[in-house]
Protein backbone atom coordinates (compact mmCIF):
# COMPACT_ATOMS: atom_id res chain seq x y z
CA MET A 1 13.35 -9.52 -0.83
CA SER A 2 11.62 -7.92 2.14
CA THR A 3 8.92 -9.52 4.26
CA SER A 4 6.20 -7.35 2.74
CA ALA A 5 7.34 -8.18 -0.80
CA LYS A 6 7.24 -11.89 0.05
CA LEU A 7 3.75 -11.50 1.54
CA LEU A 8 2.49 -9.69 -1.55
CA ALA A 9 3.95 -12.36 -3.84
CA ALA A 10 2.36 -15.09 -1.72
CA MET A 11 -1.01 -13.28 -1.86
CA ARG A 12 -0.81 -13.31 -5.63
CA ARG A 13 -0.02 -17.03 -5.72
CA ASN A 14 -2.72 -18.04 -3.24
CA PRO A 15 -5.42 -15.49 -2.33
CA LYS A 16 -6.94 -17.70 0.40
CA ASP A 17 -6.56 -17.59 4.20
CA TRP A 18 -5.07 -14.13 4.80
CA ARG A 19 -5.54 -11.89 7.81
CA ILE A 20 -5.87 -8.12 8.08
CA LYS A 21 -2.57 -7.93 10.00
CA GLN A 22 -0.72 -9.21 6.93
CA LEU A 23 -2.43 -6.68 4.68
CA LYS A 24 -1.39 -3.92 7.05
CA THR A 25 2.24 -5.09 6.88
CA VAL A 26 2.23 -4.76 3.10
CA ALA A 27 0.37 -1.44 3.26
CA LYS A 28 2.93 0.09 5.63
CA HIS A 29 5.76 -0.84 3.31
CA LEU A 30 4.05 0.79 0.31
CA ASP A 31 2.94 3.90 2.27
CA ILE A 32 -0.71 2.96 1.88
CA GLU A 33 -2.83 4.51 4.59
CA PHE A 34 -5.34 2.36 6.45
CA ARG A 35 -7.98 3.01 9.06
CA ASN A 36 -10.67 1.27 11.02
CA ASP A 37 -13.20 3.56 12.64
CA GLY A 38 -14.51 0.82 14.93
CA GLY A 39 -16.54 -0.92 12.27
CA SER A 40 -16.15 -4.29 10.65
CA HIS A 41 -14.12 -3.02 7.66
CA HIS A 42 -10.63 -1.65 7.19
CA VAL A 43 -10.22 1.09 4.60
CA PHE A 44 -7.03 1.37 2.55
CA SER A 45 -6.19 4.54 0.65
CA HIS A 46 -3.31 6.36 -0.97
CA PRO A 47 -3.03 10.14 -1.52
CA ASP A 48 -2.30 9.71 -5.25
CA ILE A 49 -5.22 7.34 -5.94
CA LYS A 50 -8.78 8.62 -5.95
CA GLU A 51 -10.41 5.29 -5.12
CA ILE A 52 -10.34 3.59 -1.73
CA LEU A 53 -10.40 -0.10 -0.91
CA SER A 54 -12.66 -1.40 1.84
CA VAL A 55 -11.84 -4.87 3.20
CA PRO A 56 -13.97 -6.73 5.76
CA ALA A 57 -11.93 -7.75 8.80
CA ARG A 58 -13.53 -11.19 9.10
CA ARG A 59 -11.13 -14.10 9.17
CA PRO A 60 -10.11 -15.41 6.74
CA ILE A 61 -10.45 -12.63 4.21
CA LYS A 62 -12.19 -13.79 1.02
CA PRO A 63 -10.00 -14.17 -2.07
CA VAL A 64 -11.88 -11.47 -3.99
CA TYR A 65 -10.67 -8.86 -1.48
CA ILE A 66 -7.09 -10.15 -1.59
CA ARG A 67 -7.10 -9.86 -5.39
CA ALA A 68 -8.44 -6.31 -5.10
CA PHE A 69 -5.76 -5.49 -2.52
CA THR A 70 -2.94 -6.80 -4.72
CA ALA A 71 -4.30 -4.79 -7.67
CA PHE A 72 -4.43 -1.70 -5.42
CA CYS A 73 -0.80 -2.31 -4.41
CA ASP A 74 0.19 -2.64 -8.08
CA ARG A 75 -1.40 0.74 -8.82
CA VAL A 76 0.54 2.33 -5.96
CA LYS A 77 3.80 0.83 -7.23
CA GLU A 78 3.02 2.10 -10.75
CA ILE A 79 2.44 5.64 -9.49
CA GLU A 80 5.63 5.67 -7.42
CA LYS A 81 7.84 4.76 -10.39
């Protein structure tokens, strides 16, 4: 199991106390694009998904955003199958 897969599994088990760096690690592995235009949020997107996910970069990231991120990752995995 790769580092990003372990991180994603850990996020599902416990959605508390995560940092944006860890989300970026998972996103890179799944070919999810991310950007930060100098603001307080990071935006995650994928070419095959119409919606985007905006996550505040404050530490720690609130569990509601981690749950949304894991759901977004699941959608990307579903499309790539």
